[in-house]
Amino acid sequence: MTTIFKSKTFRCSVAASILIIPYFLFIDQLLATLWIFIIPIGLFVIIFSFITFIFSVIFWIKNHGNYSRPYIPFCINVLAVAIVFFLPSHYRSKQHYLGSGILYNSKTNNCGYNLYTEYYNVYDQGAWGTGLNSMYLTDSVNFRKYLGVYDDGYEHIDISCKGDSIIVTKTSSEFISPQWSNPKLLERKSYSLSKLKKDHDFD
C-alpha cells in the first residue's frame, strides 16, 4: 500500500491545521485593532479548513484499500477543530484595557462591599462603526466575574446590588427610539456575592 504521508490530502490537512490553530489562538490579540485584515484572512482559513475536511472524508471512503490508515487526514482535521473549540474565547481577552471605575462603595450601599467594574475592548471597527467591550465585576481582592460583552453604540450592561445579590441586566436600544420605548431586555443574570468571594472566582 502507498504511504498516506505522500498524499495531497494529508498535506492539505496538515496545512489547514497549521493555519486554523494559530489563527484562533492569536485572534484575541489582533481582532480589536486589525479586524479589517483579520476577518478576510479568517474567512479564507475557515473555508480552506472546511473544504479540506470534506475531502478528507471522501479520501477515507474512496481509498480504503489504496493507503494504509486513510483516516489519518480526517483525524488531523478533527483534532484541529477540537483544539480550536477548547481555546478561550477572544471575548474574554484582556489585551486592550479600557479602564475601571468604582461601582459601589461599602459605606454607602446595601452590599457591604467595595465593587468595581473593569472594561476591555475586544473588537473595534474604528471609524467604520461601533465596537465590542467586555465587562467584569470585581472587589479587587477576592473575585473577578466576567459579565459579558456589549456593543458600545447601543447596548448597556446595568448592575444592581441588594444585600447578597447582584443582578446583571443587558439591554439594547438598537432600532428603538428612547422617546417612545424602553430598551429591549437581552439578558438577566444573578450572582451571590458571598459565593463569588468564597469561591475566589477569577475570570
C-alpha atoms as a PDB file:
ATOM      1  CA  MET A   1       0.000   0.000   0.000  1.00  0.00           C
ATOM      2  CA  THR A   2       1.087   3.601  -0.657  1.00  0.00           C
ATOM      3  CA  THR A   3       2.018   5.580   2.439  1.00  0.00           C
ATOM      4  CA  ILE A   4      -0.553   8.158   3.464  1.00  0.00           C
ATOM      5  CA  PHE A   5       2.087  10.783   4.196  1.00  0.00           C
ATOM      6  CA  LYS A   6       2.771  11.360   0.496  1.00  0.00           C
ATOM      7  CA  SER A   7      -0.833  12.065  -0.387  1.00  0.00           C
ATOM      8  CA  LYS A   8      -2.090  15.551  -1.230  1.00  0.00           C
ATOM      9  CA  THR A   9      -4.994  15.182   1.191  1.00  0.00           C
ATOM     10  CA  PHE A  10      -2.628  14.527   4.094  1.00  0.00           C
ATOM     11  CA  ARG A  11      -0.529  17.589   3.242  1.00  0.00           C
ATOM     12  CA  CYS A  12      -3.626  19.780   2.928  1.00  0.00           C
ATOM     13  CA  SER A  13      -4.936  18.536   6.283  1.00  0.00           C
ATOM     14  CA  VAL A  14      -1.645  19.399   7.960  1.00  0.00           C
ATOM     15  CA  ALA A  15      -1.612  22.820   6.256  1.00  0.00           C
ATOM     16  CA  ALA A  16      -5.206  23.534   7.356  1.00  0.00           C
ATOM     17  CA  SER A  17      -4.325  22.652  10.957  1.00  0.00           C
ATOM     18  CA  ILE A  18      -1.224  24.841  10.867  1.00  0.00           C
ATOM     19  CA  LEU A  19      -3.390  27.739   9.694  1.00  0.00           C
ATOM     20  CA  ILE A  20      -6.520  27.380  11.796  1.00  0.00           C
ATOM     21  CA  ILE A  21      -4.992  26.768  15.239  1.00  0.00           C
ATOM     22  CA  PRO A  22      -2.676  29.824  15.316  1.00  0.00           C
ATOM     23  CA  TYR A  23      -5.422  31.964  13.772  1.00  0.00           C
ATOM     24  CA  PHE A  24      -7.851  31.287  16.613  1.00  0.00           C
ATOM     25  CA  LEU A  25      -5.056  31.255  19.188  1.00  0.00           C
ATOM     26  CA  PHE A  26      -3.950  34.808  18.419  1.00  0.00           C
ATOM     27  CA  ILE A  27      -7.218  36.323  17.176  1.00  0.00           C
ATOM     28  CA  ASP A  28      -7.922  37.859  20.600  1.00  0.00           C
ATOM     29  CA  GLN A  29      -4.705  39.894  20.389  1.00  0.00           C
ATOM     30  CA  LEU A  30      -5.352  41.192  16.879  1.00  0.00           C
ATOM     31  CA  LEU A  31      -9.115  41.478  16.346  1.00  0.00           C
ATOM     32  CA  ALA A  32      -9.590  44.630  18.405  1.00  0.00           C
ATOM     33  CA  THR A  33      -7.236  46.698  16.250  1.00  0.00           C
ATOM     34  CA  LEU A  34      -6.571  44.823  12.984  1.00  0.00           C
ATOM     35  CA  TRP A  35     -10.048  43.435  12.290  1.00  0.00           C
ATOM     36  CA  ILE A  36     -10.102  44.743   8.704  1.00  0.00           C
ATOM     37  CA  PHE A  37      -7.231  42.371   7.872  1.00  0.00           C
ATOM     38  CA  ILE A  38      -8.046  39.547  10.294  1.00  0.00           C
ATOM     39  CA  ILE A  39     -11.614  38.906   9.119  1.00  0.00           C
ATOM     40  CA  PRO A  40     -10.747  38.240   5.426  1.00  0.00           C
ATOM     41  CA  ILE A  41      -7.857  36.014   6.495  1.00  0.00           C
ATOM     42  CA  GLY A  42     -10.219  34.183   8.846  1.00  0.00           C
ATOM     43  CA  LEU A  43     -12.733  33.573   6.058  1.00  0.00           C
ATOM     44  CA  PHE A  44     -10.011  32.055   3.903  1.00  0.00           C
ATOM     45  CA  VAL A  45      -8.729  29.857   6.747  1.00  0.00           C
ATOM     46  CA  ILE A  46     -12.206  28.625   7.687  1.00  0.00           C
ATOM     47  CA  ILE A  47     -13.264  27.909   4.082  1.00  0.00           C
ATOM     48  CA  PHE A  48      -9.969  26.141   3.329  1.00  0.00           C
ATOM     49  CA  SER A  49     -10.266  24.047   6.505  1.00  0.00           C
ATOM     50  CA  PHE A  50     -13.886  23.136   5.738  1.00  0.00           C
ATOM     51  CA  ILE A  51     -13.068  22.051   2.173  1.00  0.00           C
ATOM     52  CA  THR A  52     -10.082  20.065   3.437  1.00  0.00           C
ATOM     53  CA  PHE A  53     -12.300  18.347   5.996  1.00  0.00           C
ATOM     54  CA  ILE A  54     -14.808  17.317   3.303  1.00  0.00           C
ATOM     55  CA  PHE A  55     -12.054  15.982   1.060  1.00  0.00           C
ATOM     56  CA  SER A  56     -10.517  14.035   3.953  1.00  0.00           C
ATOM     57  CA  VAL A  57     -13.837  12.223   4.455  1.00  0.00           C
ATOM     58  CA  ILE A  58     -14.084  11.451   0.729  1.00  0.00           C
ATOM     59  CA  PHE A  59     -10.444  10.365   0.708  1.00  0.00           C
ATOM     60  CA  TRP A  60     -11.051   7.961   3.600  1.00  0.00           C
ATOM     61  CA  ILE A  61     -14.060   6.390   1.876  1.00  0.00           C
ATOM     62  CA  LYS A  62     -12.542   6.093  -1.602  1.00  0.00           C
ATOM     63  CA  ASN A  63      -9.037   4.955  -0.644  1.00  0.00           C
ATOM     64  CA  HIS A  64      -9.712   2.340   1.988  1.00  0.00           C
ATOM     65  CA  GLY A  65      -7.709  -0.255   0.068  1.00  0.00           C
ATOM     66  CA  ASN A  66      -5.128   2.032  -1.545  1.00  0.00           C
ATOM     67  CA  TYR A  67      -3.486   3.607   1.517  1.00  0.00           C
ATOM     68  CA  SER A  68      -2.515   2.396   4.930  1.00  0.00           C
ATOM     69  CA  ARG A  69      -4.545   4.279   7.561  1.00  0.00           C
ATOM     70  CA  PRO A  70      -6.512   6.518   5.119  1.00  0.00           C
ATOM     71  CA  TYR A  71      -8.383   8.001   8.092  1.00  0.00           C
ATOM     72  CA  ILE A  72      -5.345   9.982   9.275  1.00  0.00           C
ATOM     73  CA  PRO A  73      -6.169  13.223   7.347  1.00  0.00           C
ATOM     74  CA  PHE A  74      -9.695  13.116   8.798  1.00  0.00           C
ATOM     75  CA  CYS A  75      -8.306  12.653  12.320  1.00  0.00           C
ATOM     76  CA  ILE A  76      -5.926  15.586  11.846  1.00  0.00           C
ATOM     77  CA  ASN A  77      -8.819  17.848  10.881  1.00  0.00           C
ATOM     78  CA  VAL A  78     -10.982  16.675  13.784  1.00  0.00           C
ATOM     79  CA  LEU A  79      -8.121  17.206  16.238  1.00  0.00           C
ATOM     80  CA  ALA A  80      -7.528  20.748  14.943  1.00  0.00           C
ATOM     81  CA  VAL A  81     -11.226  21.620  15.319  1.00  0.00           C
ATOM     82  CA  ALA A  82     -11.251  20.151  18.854  1.00  0.00           C
ATOM     83  CA  ILE A  83      -8.247  22.259  19.849  1.00  0.00           C
ATOM     84  CA  VAL A  84      -9.882  25.400  18.436  1.00  0.00           C
ATOM     85  CA  PHE A  85     -13.132  24.582  20.238  1.00  0.00           C
ATOM     86  CA  PHE A  86     -11.418  24.470  23.622  1.00  0.00           C
ATOM     87  CA  LEU A  87      -9.382  27.641  23.135  1.00  0.00           C
ATOM     88  CA  PRO A  88     -10.547  30.530  25.363  1.00  0.00           C
ATOM     89  CA  SER A  89     -12.979  32.951  23.729  1.00  0.00           C
ATOM     90  CA  HIS A  90     -11.486  36.192  22.401  1.00  0.00           C
ATOM     91  CA  TYR A  91     -14.388  37.929  24.125  1.00  0.00           C
ATOM     92  CA  ARG A  92     -12.506  37.323  27.373  1.00  0.00           C
ATOM     93  CA  SER A  93      -9.281  38.843  26.080  1.00  0.00           C
ATOM     94  CA  LYS A  94      -7.596  41.375  28.360  1.00  0.00           C
ATOM     95  CA  GLN A  95      -5.167  42.626  25.735  1.00  0.00           C
ATOM     96  CA  HIS A  96      -6.818  46.033  25.342  1.00  0.00           C
ATOM     97  CA  TYR A  97      -7.654  47.557  28.721  1.00  0.00           C
ATOM     98  CA  LEU A  98     -10.060  50.498  28.608  1.00  0.00           C
ATOM     99  CA  GLY A  99     -10.395  51.383  32.273  1.00  0.00           C
ATOM    100  CA  SER A 100     -12.159  50.687  35.536  1.00  0.00           C
ATOM    101  CA  GLY A 101     -14.368  52.504  37.989  1.00  0.00           C
ATOM    102  CA  ILE A 102     -15.956  52.101  41.388  1.00  0.00           C
ATOM    103  CA  LEU A 103     -19.485  50.758  41.186  1.00  0.00           C
ATOM    104  CA  TYR A 104     -20.464  50.631  44.876  1.00  0.00           C
ATOM    105  CA  ASN A 105     -18.769  51.894  47.982  1.00  0.00           C
ATOM    106  CA  SER A 106     -19.105  49.632  51.030  1.00  0.00           C
ATOM    107  CA  LYS A 107     -20.020  52.590  53.244  1.00  0.00           C
ATOM    108  CA  THR A 108     -22.804  53.924  51.071  1.00  0.00           C
ATOM    109  CA  ASN A 109     -24.564  50.895  49.585  1.00  0.00           C
ATOM    110  CA  ASN A 110     -26.541  47.845  50.669  1.00  0.00           C
ATOM    111  CA  CYS A 111     -23.955  45.307  49.509  1.00  0.00           C
ATOM    112  CA  GLY A 112     -21.341  45.866  52.151  1.00  0.00           C
ATOM    113  CA  TYR A 113     -18.556  45.512  49.562  1.00  0.00           C
ATOM    114  CA  ASN A 114     -16.394  47.814  47.511  1.00  0.00           C
ATOM    115  CA  LEU A 115     -17.279  46.772  43.970  1.00  0.00           C
ATOM    116  CA  TYR A 116     -15.591  47.841  40.753  1.00  0.00           C
ATOM    117  CA  THR A 117     -16.135  47.360  37.032  1.00  0.00           C
ATOM    118  CA  GLU A 118     -13.367  46.701  34.514  1.00  0.00           C
ATOM    119  CA  TYR A 119     -13.644  47.209  30.766  1.00  0.00           C
ATOM    120  CA  TYR A 120     -11.666  45.752  27.858  1.00  0.00           C
ATOM    121  CA  ASN A 121     -12.021  46.337  24.140  1.00  0.00           C
ATOM    122  CA  VAL A 122     -12.395  43.049  22.231  1.00  0.00           C
ATOM    123  CA  TYR A 123     -13.486  44.331  18.822  1.00  0.00           C
ATOM    124  CA  ASP A 124     -13.037  47.814  17.378  1.00  0.00           C
ATOM    125  CA  GLN A 125     -14.194  48.982  13.974  1.00  0.00           C
ATOM    126  CA  GLY A 126     -12.751  52.460  14.467  1.00  0.00           C
ATOM    127  CA  ALA A 127     -14.362  54.953  12.097  1.00  0.00           C
ATOM    128  CA  TRP A 128     -16.252  52.116  10.387  1.00  0.00           C
ATOM    129  CA  GLY A 129     -18.696  51.544  13.238  1.00  0.00           C
ATOM    130  CA  THR A 130     -19.153  50.668  16.880  1.00  0.00           C
ATOM    131  CA  GLY A 131     -17.034  48.223  18.853  1.00  0.00           C
ATOM    132  CA  LEU A 132     -17.489  45.495  21.432  1.00  0.00           C
ATOM    133  CA  ASN A 133     -16.311  45.809  25.014  1.00  0.00           C
ATOM    134  CA  SER A 134     -16.162  43.124  27.676  1.00  0.00           C
ATOM    135  CA  MET A 135     -17.135  43.904  31.252  1.00  0.00           C
ATOM    136  CA  TYR A 136     -16.031  42.401  34.580  1.00  0.00           C
ATOM    137  CA  LEU A 137     -17.199  42.853  38.146  1.00  0.00           C
ATOM    138  CA  THR A 138     -14.623  42.641  40.922  1.00  0.00           C
ATOM    139  CA  ASP A 139     -13.927  43.553  44.534  1.00  0.00           C
ATOM    140  CA  SER A 140     -10.235  43.735  43.508  1.00  0.00           C
ATOM    141  CA  VAL A 141      -9.268  41.127  46.130  1.00  0.00           C
ATOM    142  CA  ASN A 142     -11.459  38.034  46.137  1.00  0.00           C
ATOM    143  CA  PHE A 143     -13.091  37.685  42.723  1.00  0.00           C
ATOM    144  CA  ARG A 144     -13.378  38.975  39.176  1.00  0.00           C
ATOM    145  CA  LYS A 145     -16.520  37.894  37.329  1.00  0.00           C
ATOM    146  CA  TYR A 146     -16.957  38.110  33.578  1.00  0.00           C
ATOM    147  CA  LEU A 147     -20.355  39.683  32.862  1.00  0.00           C
ATOM    148  CA  GLY A 148     -20.351  39.592  29.077  1.00  0.00           C
ATOM    149  CA  VAL A 149     -19.783  41.822  26.074  1.00  0.00           C
ATOM    150  CA  TYR A 150     -21.805  44.772  24.869  1.00  0.00           C
ATOM    151  CA  ASP A 151     -21.862  46.932  21.760  1.00  0.00           C
ATOM    152  CA  ASP A 152     -20.697  50.378  22.854  1.00  0.00           C
ATOM    153  CA  GLY A 153     -23.087  52.006  20.414  1.00  0.00           C
ATOM    154  CA  TYR A 154     -26.476  50.750  21.554  1.00  0.00           C
ATOM    155  CA  GLU A 155     -26.119  48.111  24.280  1.00  0.00           C
ATOM    156  CA  HIS A 156     -25.734  48.563  28.012  1.00  0.00           C
ATOM    157  CA  ILE A 157     -24.983  46.308  30.988  1.00  0.00           C
ATOM    158  CA  ASP A 158     -26.556  47.511  34.212  1.00  0.00           C
ATOM    159  CA  ILE A 159     -25.653  46.170  37.661  1.00  0.00           C
ATOM    160  CA  SER A 160     -27.855  46.454  40.719  1.00  0.00           C
ATOM    161  CA  CYS A 161     -26.938  45.342  44.212  1.00  0.00           C
ATOM    162  CA  LYS A 162     -29.269  44.337  47.030  1.00  0.00           C
ATOM    163  CA  GLY A 163     -27.912  42.535  50.044  1.00  0.00           C
ATOM    164  CA  ASP A 164     -26.009  39.471  48.890  1.00  0.00           C
ATOM    165  CA  SER A 165     -27.487  39.561  45.379  1.00  0.00           C
ATOM    166  CA  ILE A 166     -26.080  41.127  42.264  1.00  0.00           C
ATOM    167  CA  ILE A 167     -28.488  41.473  39.340  1.00  0.00           C
ATOM    168  CA  VAL A 168     -26.886  41.976  35.927  1.00  0.00           C
ATOM    169  CA  THR A 169     -29.141  43.195  33.121  1.00  0.00           C
ATOM    170  CA  LYS A 170     -28.140  43.618  29.486  1.00  0.00           C
ATOM    171  CA  THR A 171     -30.332  45.804  27.284  1.00  0.00           C
ATOM    172  CA  SER A 172     -30.298  47.081  23.716  1.00  0.00           C
ATOM    173  CA  SER A 173     -31.680  50.256  22.192  1.00  0.00           C
ATOM    174  CA  GLU A 174     -30.971  49.182  18.590  1.00  0.00           C
ATOM    175  CA  PHE A 175     -33.861  50.162  16.288  1.00  0.00           C
ATOM    176  CA  ILE A 176     -35.682  51.563  19.335  1.00  0.00           C
ATOM    177  CA  SER A 177     -36.483  55.219  19.938  1.00  0.00           C
ATOM    178  CA  PRO A 178     -35.777  56.015  23.621  1.00  0.00           C
ATOM    179  CA  GLN A 179     -38.520  58.658  23.469  1.00  0.00           C
ATOM    180  CA  TRP A 180     -41.210  56.061  22.829  1.00  0.00           C
ATOM    181  CA  SER A 181     -39.963  52.709  24.114  1.00  0.00           C
ATOM    182  CA  ASN A 182     -37.794  51.213  26.819  1.00  0.00           C
ATOM    183  CA  PRO A 183     -34.621  49.379  25.770  1.00  0.00           C
ATOM    184  CA  LYS A 184     -35.082  45.724  24.837  1.00  0.00           C
ATOM    185  CA  LEU A 185     -34.088  43.240  27.531  1.00  0.00           C
ATOM    186  CA  LEU A 186     -31.459  40.839  26.172  1.00  0.00           C
ATOM    187  CA  GLU A 187     -30.310  39.004  29.274  1.00  0.00           C
ATOM    188  CA  ARG A 188     -30.670  38.983  33.052  1.00  0.00           C
ATOM    189  CA  LYS A 189     -28.366  37.083  35.423  1.00  0.00           C
ATOM    190  CA  SER A 190     -27.963  36.998  39.185  1.00  0.00           C
ATOM    191  CA  TYR A 191     -24.967  36.202  41.383  1.00  0.00           C
ATOM    192  CA  SER A 192     -24.324  35.704  45.054  1.00  0.00           C
ATOM    193  CA  LEU A 193     -21.574  38.000  46.298  1.00  0.00           C
ATOM    194  CA  SER A 194     -20.725  35.739  49.211  1.00  0.00           C
ATOM    195  CA  LYS A 195     -20.367  32.762  46.859  1.00  0.00           C
ATOM    196  CA  LEU A 196     -18.155  34.702  44.456  1.00  0.00           C
ATOM    197  CA  LYS A 197     -15.994  35.745  47.375  1.00  0.00           C
ATOM    198  CA  LYS A 198     -15.880  32.237  48.857  1.00  0.00           C
ATOM    199  CA  ASP A 199     -15.076  30.537  45.539  1.00  0.00           C
ATOM    200  CA  HIS A 200     -12.397  33.102  44.620  1.00  0.00           C
ATOM    201  CA  ASP A 201     -13.898  33.132  41.153  1.00  0.00           C
ATOM    202  CA  PHE A 202     -11.375  34.950  38.920  1.00  0.00           C
ATOM    203  CA  ASP A 203     -12.268  35.106  35.210  1.00  0.00           C
END
